[in-house]
Amino acid sequence: MRVLIAEDERMLADSIAEGLRGEALAVDVAYDGEAALERLTVHDYDVLVLDRDLPGVHGDEVCGRVVEQGLMVRILMLTAASEVRARVAGLSLGADDYLPKPFAFEELLARIHALGRRARPADPPLLERTGVRLDWAHRQVFREGRYVPLARKEFGVLAELLRARGAVVSAEALLEKVWDEHIDPFTNTVRTTMTKLRKKLGEPQIIETVPGSGYRIP
């Protein structure tokens, strides 16, 4: 899942981003409304965590533009106001959910996951293919019953390949979904991660390289 945090309180934004990355999510951060809109036109996000009181372009306007342009991103609006009328106003602008500040990180994470499931078809709790089983809830992977310890990015890459159900996934698509905007698009990070993932999964190899196209688990 790829998430954009649009929040002008830098310490809060960076703290949220760090916590979400620790949950194997790809996260970008924008500290004002203009930067948020720019990123939304460049990347396909599953969830936008949007502070309503952004400087520059107000959060309400950001929300309105997302709706007008028909972007598929789900919006979780944050605000310091907790009154019912403030919540109603935010939802009437097109936000999908609303969370008043201060909030517990666990609740924020749960709401992001809930919105992410609505942003695209829900994945089953277990993804299985070719003897590999990926358990979302416990962040665990098994190959023929053998536990396979994976780093966050390795887990994310494997999840995208399993989710594709045999279709080819390009390196560009993996960069888009598993990494954030700070990754160099010309890097060999995907290839390096794939090498480590294949080694951990063991023999026989199940991840195929399709020359000029990407990778797949047939």
Protein backbone atom coordinates (compact mmCIF):
# COMPACT_ATOMS: atom_id res chain seq x y z
CA MET A 1 0.00 0.00 0.00
CA ARG A 2 1.27 3.50 -0.81
CA VAL A 3 0.30 6.39 1.47
CA LEU A 4 0.73 10.16 1.23
CA ILE A 5 0.91 12.13 4.49
CA ALA A 6 -0.09 15.78 3.99
CA GLU A 7 0.63 17.46 7.32
CA ASP A 8 2.35 20.80 8.06
CA GLU A 9 3.48 19.82 11.58
CA ARG A 10 6.78 18.33 10.46
CA MET A 11 7.55 16.37 13.61
CA LEU A 12 4.09 14.79 13.54
CA ALA A 13 4.26 14.06 9.80
CA ASP A 14 7.70 12.49 10.03
CA SER A 15 6.69 10.47 13.09
CA ILE A 16 3.61 9.10 11.32
CA ALA A 17 5.67 8.29 8.22
CA GLU A 18 8.31 6.47 10.24
CA GLY A 19 5.66 4.42 12.04
CA LEU A 20 3.89 3.47 8.81
CA ARG A 21 7.15 2.48 7.12
CA GLY A 22 7.74 0.21 10.08
CA GLU A 23 4.49 -1.51 9.06
CA ALA A 24 5.87 -2.19 5.55
CA LEU A 25 3.93 0.64 3.88
CA ALA A 26 5.42 2.92 1.22
CA VAL A 27 5.03 6.48 2.52
CA ASP A 28 5.61 9.95 1.07
CA VAL A 29 5.24 13.23 2.97
CA ALA A 30 4.05 16.69 1.92
CA TYR A 31 4.19 19.64 4.32
CA ASP A 32 1.75 21.90 2.45
CA GLY A 33 -1.22 21.65 0.13
CA GLU A 34 0.63 22.57 -3.04
CA ALA A 35 3.22 19.82 -2.51
CA ALA A 36 0.44 17.33 -1.78
CA LEU A 37 -1.36 18.14 -5.03
CA GLU A 38 1.89 17.84 -6.97
CA ARG A 39 2.59 14.37 -5.57
CA LEU A 40 -0.99 13.25 -6.18
CA THR A 41 -0.60 14.03 -9.90
CA VAL A 42 2.64 12.06 -10.14
CA HIS A 43 1.98 8.95 -8.03
CA ASP A 44 -0.95 6.58 -7.56
CA TYR A 45 -1.68 6.51 -3.83
CA ASP A 46 -4.04 4.17 -2.04
CA VAL A 47 -4.63 6.48 0.94
CA LEU A 48 -4.14 10.20 1.56
CA VAL A 49 -3.83 11.26 5.21
CA LEU A 50 -4.83 14.90 4.90
CA ASP A 51 -4.54 17.60 7.54
CA ARG A 52 -7.46 19.94 7.01
CA ASP A 53 -5.55 23.09 8.02
CA LEU A 54 -2.69 22.93 5.52
CA PRO A 55 -0.84 26.13 4.59
CA GLY A 56 -0.77 27.36 1.00
CA VAL A 57 -3.54 25.30 -0.56
CA HIS A 58 -6.01 24.53 2.24
CA GLY A 59 -6.80 20.91 3.00
CA ASP A 60 -10.42 21.47 2.01
CA GLU A 61 -9.31 22.57 -1.46
CA VAL A 62 -6.95 19.61 -1.78
CA CYS A 63 -9.83 17.30 -0.94
CA GLY A 64 -12.10 19.05 -3.42
CA ARG A 65 -9.57 18.76 -6.25
CA VAL A 66 -9.05 15.07 -5.57
CA VAL A 67 -12.79 14.53 -5.92
CA GLU A 68 -13.08 16.75 -9.02
CA GLN A 69 -10.24 14.95 -10.80
CA GLY A 70 -11.70 11.55 -9.97
CA LEU A 71 -8.53 10.28 -8.29
CA MET A 72 -8.99 6.85 -6.77
CA VAL A 73 -7.13 7.65 -3.55
CA ARG A 74 -9.07 7.30 -0.29
CA ILE A 75 -8.92 10.31 2.03
CA LEU A 76 -8.49 10.24 5.80
CA MET A 77 -8.89 13.81 7.06
CA LEU A 78 -7.13 15.00 10.21
CA THR A 79 -8.08 18.10 12.16
CA ALA A 80 -7.73 19.60 15.61
CA ALA A 81 -11.47 20.33 15.62
CA SER A 82 -13.54 17.53 17.14
CA GLU A 83 -17.04 19.02 16.93
CA VAL A 84 -19.68 17.09 15.00
CA ARG A 85 -20.19 19.95 12.54
CA ALA A 86 -16.47 19.96 11.72
CA ARG A 87 -16.56 16.23 11.04
CA VAL A 88 -19.65 16.60 8.88
CA ALA A 89 -18.02 19.43 6.93
CA GLY A 90 -14.94 17.35 6.23
CA LEU A 91 -16.94 14.34 5.09
CA SER A 92 -19.19 16.49 2.92
CA LEU A 93 -16.13 17.64 0.99
CA GLY A 94 -15.49 14.08 -0.11
CA ALA A 95 -13.27 12.67 2.63
CA ASP A 96 -13.79 8.96 3.31
CA ASP A 97 -12.96 9.09 7.01
CA TYR A 98 -12.20 11.61 9.72
CA LEU A 99 -9.83 11.48 12.70
CA PRO A 100 -9.55 14.29 15.28
CA LYS A 101 -6.21 15.21 16.85
CA PRO A 102 -4.69 13.98 19.08
CA PHE A 103 -5.03 10.35 18.07
CA ALA A 104 -3.41 7.01 18.85
CA PHE A 105 -1.11 5.69 16.15
CA GLU A 106 -2.79 2.26 16.38
CA GLU A 107 -6.15 3.80 15.47
CA LEU A 108 -4.62 5.76 12.59
CA LEU A 109 -3.01 2.57 11.27
CA ALA A 110 -6.27 0.63 11.53
CA ARG A 111 -8.16 3.34 9.64
CA ILE A 112 -5.50 3.50 6.92
CA HIS A 113 -5.68 -0.27 6.43
CA ALA A 114 -9.48 -0.11 6.30
CA LEU A 115 -9.37 2.61 3.63
CA GLY A 116 -6.67 0.74 1.74
CA ARG A 117 -8.95 -2.27 1.46
CA ARG A 118 -11.60 -0.02 -0.06
CA ALA A 119 -9.12 1.56 -2.47
CA ARG A 120 -8.62 -1.76 -4.28
CA PRO A 121 -10.10 -5.25 -4.09
CA ALA A 122 -9.50 -6.71 -0.66
CA ASP A 123 -6.74 -9.27 -0.37
CA PRO A 124 -7.51 -12.52 1.43
CA PRO A 125 -5.81 -12.87 4.84
CA LEU A 126 -3.51 -15.48 3.28
CA LEU A 127 -1.89 -15.23 -0.15
CA GLU A 128 -0.76 -18.62 -1.41
CA ARG A 129 0.93 -19.76 -4.61
CA THR A 130 3.48 -22.40 -5.63
CA GLY A 131 4.01 -23.58 -2.06
CA VAL A 132 4.45 -20.07 -0.65
CA ARG A 133 2.04 -18.72 1.97
CA LEU A 134 2.01 -15.08 3.03
CA ASP A 135 0.14 -14.22 6.24
CA TRP A 136 -0.82 -10.53 6.25
CA ALA A 137 -1.97 -10.31 9.87
CA HIS A 138 1.20 -11.76 11.35
CA ARG A 139 3.62 -10.50 8.68
CA GLN A 140 4.89 -14.04 8.16
CA VAL A 141 5.92 -16.04 5.10
CA PHE A 142 6.25 -19.83 4.77
CA ARG A 143 7.64 -21.98 1.96
CA GLU A 144 6.41 -25.57 2.07
CA GLY A 145 5.79 -25.11 5.80
CA ARG A 146 9.24 -23.60 6.46
CA TYR A 147 9.24 -20.13 8.04
CA VAL A 148 11.04 -17.57 5.86
CA PRO A 149 12.19 -14.40 7.70
CA LEU A 150 11.94 -11.43 5.33
CA ALA A 151 12.90 -7.77 5.57
CA ARG A 152 10.09 -5.22 5.02
CA LYS A 153 10.86 -4.55 1.36
CA GLU A 154 11.28 -8.25 0.60
CA PHE A 155 7.89 -8.88 2.17
CA GLY A 156 6.35 -6.07 0.12
CA VAL A 157 7.84 -7.34 -3.16
CA LEU A 158 6.65 -10.89 -2.49
CA ALA A 159 3.17 -9.61 -1.63
CA GLU A 160 2.92 -7.73 -4.94
CA LEU A 161 4.04 -10.79 -6.90
CA LEU A 162 1.54 -13.04 -5.13
CA ARG A 163 -1.21 -10.47 -5.53
CA ALA A 164 -0.62 -10.47 -9.30
CA ARG A 165 -1.75 -14.14 -9.47
CA GLY A 166 0.75 -15.18 -12.11
CA ALA A 167 0.80 -11.95 -14.10
CA VAL A 168 4.06 -10.12 -14.77
CA VAL A 169 4.89 -7.23 -12.42
CA SER A 170 7.33 -4.65 -13.78
CA ALA A 171 10.23 -3.24 -11.77
CA GLU A 172 8.59 0.19 -12.15
CA ALA A 173 5.36 -1.10 -10.59
CA LEU A 174 7.29 -2.60 -7.68
CA LEU A 175 9.10 0.71 -7.10
CA GLU A 176 5.75 2.52 -7.15
CA LYS A 177 4.04 0.23 -4.63
CA VAL A 178 6.82 -0.89 -2.29
CA TRP A 179 9.19 2.09 -2.13
CA ASP A 180 8.58 5.84 -1.74
CA GLU A 181 9.36 8.84 -3.92
CA HIS A 182 12.91 9.20 -2.61
CA ILE A 183 14.03 6.06 -4.40
CA ASP A 184 16.08 6.63 -7.55
CA PRO A 185 14.01 5.28 -10.50
CA PHE A 186 17.24 4.14 -12.15
CA THR A 187 18.46 2.24 -9.11
CA ASN A 188 19.08 -1.51 -9.07
CA THR A 189 17.27 -1.76 -5.72
CA VAL A 190 14.54 -3.99 -7.15
CA ARG A 191 17.08 -6.38 -8.62
CA THR A 192 19.06 -6.47 -5.37
CA THR A 193 15.94 -7.08 -3.29
CA MET A 194 14.80 -9.77 -5.71
CA THR A 195 18.15 -11.56 -5.38
CA LYS A 196 17.89 -11.58 -1.58
CA LEU A 197 14.26 -12.70 -1.73
CA ARG A 198 15.05 -15.60 -4.06
CA LYS A 199 17.91 -16.70 -1.83
CA LYS A 200 15.70 -16.72 1.27
CA LEU A 201 12.88 -18.58 -0.46
CA GLY A 202 15.35 -21.26 -1.52
CA GLU A 203 15.31 -23.90 -4.23
CA PRO A 204 13.70 -24.57 -6.55
CA GLN A 205 13.39 -20.95 -7.66
CA ILE A 206 9.78 -19.81 -8.07
CA ILE A 207 10.24 -16.17 -9.11
CA GLU A 208 10.74 -15.90 -12.85
CA THR A 209 12.41 -12.99 -14.63
CA VAL A 210 10.58 -12.05 -17.83
CA PRO A 211 13.18 -10.23 -19.96
CA GLY A 212 12.17 -6.68 -20.74
CA SER A 213 8.95 -6.95 -18.71
CA GLY A 214 9.50 -7.77 -15.04
CA TYR A 215 8.92 -10.65 -12.66
CA ARG A 216 6.25 -13.20 -11.91
CA ILE A 217 5.41 -16.24 -9.81
CA PRO A 218 3.72 -18.58 -12.32
